[in-house]
């Protein structure tokens, strides 16, 4: 299945072998917030950034998200306080995807900062 937006950009989705719609929604929350982090660190020296995601969902239909846990990983020479402010602002204000979700979802996040690759 191919989904195409008004700009003609498309993404191929395979629900049999790929992520479910809810997994895609969760991944898009991570992508949106991680984009905020990367933009916020644009003047800093870092080599990698990624976010690990976990969630819990309601047990009955509709099986909405109840909690979303995000662990941000950054490798580089970045002040932890700066990274904490950037991630906090992403959650408070900038990540449109997470703000489009139900306000009852509990978001939890933490940061793992590494100064060099393991």
C-alpha atoms as a PDB file:
ATOM      1  CA  UNK A   1       0.000   0.000   0.000  1.00  0.00           C
ATOM      2  CA  UNK A   2       1.346   3.396  -0.931  1.00  0.00           C
ATOM      3  CA  UNK A   3       0.287   6.546   0.889  1.00  0.00           C
ATOM      4  CA  UNK A   4       0.847   9.834  -0.944  1.00  0.00           C
ATOM      5  CA  UNK A   5       0.431  13.345   0.426  1.00  0.00           C
ATOM      6  CA  UNK A   6      -0.665  16.502  -1.411  1.00  0.00           C
ATOM      7  CA  UNK A   7       2.976  17.301  -2.242  1.00  0.00           C
ATOM      8  CA  UNK A   8       3.330  13.972  -4.066  1.00  0.00           C
ATOM      9  CA  UNK A   9       5.645  12.473  -1.449  1.00  0.00           C
ATOM     10  CA  UNK A  10       4.895   8.847  -0.725  1.00  0.00           C
ATOM     11  CA  UNK A  11       5.641   6.069   1.680  1.00  0.00           C
ATOM     12  CA  UNK A  12       5.114   2.366   1.083  1.00  0.00           C
ATOM     13  CA  UNK A  13       3.445   0.491   3.905  1.00  0.00           C
ATOM     14  CA  UNK A  14       3.333  -3.283   4.273  1.00  0.00           C
ATOM     15  CA  UNK A  15       1.089  -4.241   7.172  1.00  0.00           C
ATOM     16  CA  UNK A  16       1.873  -7.944   6.809  1.00  0.00           C
ATOM     17  CA  UNK A  17       5.670  -7.700   7.121  1.00  0.00           C
ATOM     18  CA  UNK A  18       6.097  -4.153   8.425  1.00  0.00           C
ATOM     19  CA  UNK A  19       4.937  -2.018  11.309  1.00  0.00           C
ATOM     20  CA  UNK A  20       1.261  -1.716  12.219  1.00  0.00           C
ATOM     21  CA  UNK A  21      -0.490   1.664  12.019  1.00  0.00           C
ATOM     22  CA  UNK A  22      -0.033   2.123  15.788  1.00  0.00           C
ATOM     23  CA  UNK A  23       3.667   1.261  15.522  1.00  0.00           C
ATOM     24  CA  UNK A  24       3.990   3.820  12.729  1.00  0.00           C
ATOM     25  CA  UNK A  25       2.259   6.434  14.891  1.00  0.00           C
ATOM     26  CA  UNK A  26       4.683   5.702  17.733  1.00  0.00           C
ATOM     27  CA  UNK A  27       7.667   5.899  15.370  1.00  0.00           C
ATOM     28  CA  UNK A  28       6.449   9.257  14.053  1.00  0.00           C
ATOM     29  CA  UNK A  29       6.326  10.656  17.606  1.00  0.00           C
ATOM     30  CA  UNK A  30       9.965   9.594  17.946  1.00  0.00           C
ATOM     31  CA  UNK A  31      10.938  11.020  14.549  1.00  0.00           C
ATOM     32  CA  UNK A  32       9.263  14.362  15.274  1.00  0.00           C
ATOM     33  CA  UNK A  33      10.868  14.805  18.674  1.00  0.00           C
ATOM     34  CA  UNK A  34      14.257  13.585  17.450  1.00  0.00           C
ATOM     35  CA  UNK A  35      14.105  16.176  14.658  1.00  0.00           C
ATOM     36  CA  UNK A  36      13.682  18.830  17.370  1.00  0.00           C
ATOM     37  CA  UNK A  37      16.765  17.449  19.132  1.00  0.00           C
ATOM     38  CA  UNK A  38      18.904  17.423  15.983  1.00  0.00           C
ATOM     39  CA  UNK A  39      17.880  20.980  15.079  1.00  0.00           C
ATOM     40  CA  UNK A  40      18.516  22.099  18.659  1.00  0.00           C
ATOM     41  CA  UNK A  41      22.021  20.615  18.565  1.00  0.00           C
ATOM     42  CA  UNK A  42      22.927  22.047  15.159  1.00  0.00           C
ATOM     43  CA  UNK A  43      25.830  24.087  16.550  1.00  0.00           C
ATOM     44  CA  UNK A  44      27.167  21.254  18.713  1.00  0.00           C
ATOM     45  CA  UNK A  45      29.534  18.428  17.916  1.00  0.00           C
ATOM     46  CA  UNK A  46      27.721  15.095  17.913  1.00  0.00           C
ATOM     47  CA  UNK A  47      27.983  12.029  15.688  1.00  0.00           C
ATOM     48  CA  UNK A  48      24.781  10.110  16.393  1.00  0.00           C
ATOM     49  CA  UNK A  49      21.336  10.665  17.806  1.00  0.00           C
ATOM     50  CA  UNK A  50      18.448   8.222  18.094  1.00  0.00           C
ATOM     51  CA  UNK A  51      15.452   7.512  20.266  1.00  0.00           C
ATOM     52  CA  UNK A  52      14.214   4.181  21.613  1.00  0.00           C
ATOM     53  CA  UNK A  53      10.454   3.930  22.079  1.00  0.00           C
ATOM     54  CA  UNK A  54       8.175   1.804  24.210  1.00  0.00           C
ATOM     55  CA  UNK A  55       4.488   2.088  24.921  1.00  0.00           C
ATOM     56  CA  UNK A  56       1.525   0.578  26.679  1.00  0.00           C
ATOM     57  CA  UNK A  57      -1.923   0.433  25.148  1.00  0.00           C
ATOM     58  CA  UNK A  58      -5.455  -0.038  26.357  1.00  0.00           C
ATOM     59  CA  UNK A  59      -6.491  -3.680  26.581  1.00  0.00           C
ATOM     60  CA  UNK A  60      -9.897  -3.104  24.985  1.00  0.00           C
ATOM     61  CA  UNK A  61     -10.964  -1.332  21.807  1.00  0.00           C
ATOM     62  CA  UNK A  62     -10.042   1.247  20.903  1.00  0.00           C
ATOM     63  CA  UNK A  63      -6.522   0.146  21.886  1.00  0.00           C
ATOM     64  CA  UNK A  64      -5.155   3.656  22.281  1.00  0.00           C
ATOM     65  CA  UNK A  65      -1.782   4.494  23.741  1.00  0.00           C
ATOM     66  CA  UNK A  66      -1.813   4.872  27.522  1.00  0.00           C
ATOM     67  CA  UNK A  67       1.913   5.562  28.015  1.00  0.00           C
ATOM     68  CA  UNK A  68       4.840   6.349  25.744  1.00  0.00           C
ATOM     69  CA  UNK A  69       8.417   6.060  27.008  1.00  0.00           C
ATOM     70  CA  UNK A  70      11.231   7.655  25.021  1.00  0.00           C
ATOM     71  CA  UNK A  71      14.956   7.158  25.641  1.00  0.00           C
ATOM     72  CA  UNK A  72      17.076   9.674  23.734  1.00  0.00           C
ATOM     73  CA  UNK A  73      20.634   8.659  22.881  1.00  0.00           C
ATOM     74  CA  UNK A  74      23.217  11.210  21.768  1.00  0.00           C
ATOM     75  CA  UNK A  75      26.879  10.548  21.066  1.00  0.00           C
ATOM     76  CA  UNK A  76      29.052  13.638  21.175  1.00  0.00           C
ATOM     77  CA  UNK A  77      30.387  16.599  23.098  1.00  0.00           C
ATOM     78  CA  UNK A  78      27.037  17.989  24.216  1.00  0.00           C
ATOM     79  CA  UNK A  79      26.204  19.548  27.605  1.00  0.00           C
ATOM     80  CA  UNK A  80      23.610  17.389  29.346  1.00  0.00           C
ATOM     81  CA  UNK A  81      21.673  20.444  30.606  1.00  0.00           C
ATOM     82  CA  UNK A  82      21.338  21.738  27.041  1.00  0.00           C
ATOM     83  CA  UNK A  83      20.100  18.373  25.815  1.00  0.00           C
ATOM     84  CA  UNK A  84      17.600  18.196  28.687  1.00  0.00           C
ATOM     85  CA  UNK A  85      16.239  21.652  27.785  1.00  0.00           C
ATOM     86  CA  UNK A  86      15.909  20.721  24.108  1.00  0.00           C
ATOM     87  CA  UNK A  87      14.070  17.470  24.844  1.00  0.00           C
ATOM     88  CA  UNK A  88      11.851  19.193  27.397  1.00  0.00           C
ATOM     89  CA  UNK A  89      10.919  21.934  24.912  1.00  0.00           C
ATOM     90  CA  UNK A  90      10.166  19.297  22.275  1.00  0.00           C
ATOM     91  CA  UNK A  91       7.646  17.721  24.623  1.00  0.00           C
ATOM     92  CA  UNK A  92       6.263  21.007  25.975  1.00  0.00           C
ATOM     93  CA  UNK A  93       5.903  22.929  22.734  1.00  0.00           C
ATOM     94  CA  UNK A  94       7.466  21.821  19.464  1.00  0.00           C
ATOM     95  CA  UNK A  95       6.626  18.194  18.603  1.00  0.00           C
ATOM     96  CA  UNK A  96       3.401  18.533  16.632  1.00  0.00           C
ATOM     97  CA  UNK A  97       2.951  14.785  16.318  1.00  0.00           C
ATOM     98  CA  UNK A  98       2.882  14.139  20.062  1.00  0.00           C
ATOM     99  CA  UNK A  99       0.625  17.168  20.568  1.00  0.00           C
ATOM    100  CA  UNK A 100      -1.793  15.689  18.019  1.00  0.00           C
ATOM    101  CA  UNK A 101      -2.293  12.626  20.199  1.00  0.00           C
ATOM    102  CA  UNK A 102      -4.771  12.209  23.033  1.00  0.00           C
ATOM    103  CA  UNK A 103      -3.882  14.422  25.982  1.00  0.00           C
ATOM    104  CA  UNK A 104      -4.403  11.532  28.424  1.00  0.00           C
ATOM    105  CA  UNK A 105      -1.277   9.738  27.162  1.00  0.00           C
ATOM    106  CA  UNK A 106       1.485   9.819  29.769  1.00  0.00           C
ATOM    107  CA  UNK A 107       4.838  10.627  28.160  1.00  0.00           C
ATOM    108  CA  UNK A 108       8.017   9.697  29.999  1.00  0.00           C
ATOM    109  CA  UNK A 109      11.515  10.389  28.714  1.00  0.00           C
ATOM    110  CA  UNK A 110      15.138  10.168  29.694  1.00  0.00           C
ATOM    111  CA  UNK A 111      18.499  10.860  28.111  1.00  0.00           C
ATOM    112  CA  UNK A 112      21.576   8.693  27.679  1.00  0.00           C
ATOM    113  CA  UNK A 113      24.501  10.881  26.676  1.00  0.00           C
ATOM    114  CA  UNK A 114      27.749   9.293  25.525  1.00  0.00           C
ATOM    115  CA  UNK A 115      30.855  11.315  24.811  1.00  0.00           C
ATOM    116  CA  UNK A 116      32.253   8.613  22.526  1.00  0.00           C
ATOM    117  CA  UNK A 117      30.952   5.614  20.604  1.00  0.00           C
ATOM    118  CA  UNK A 118      31.167   2.346  22.498  1.00  0.00           C
END
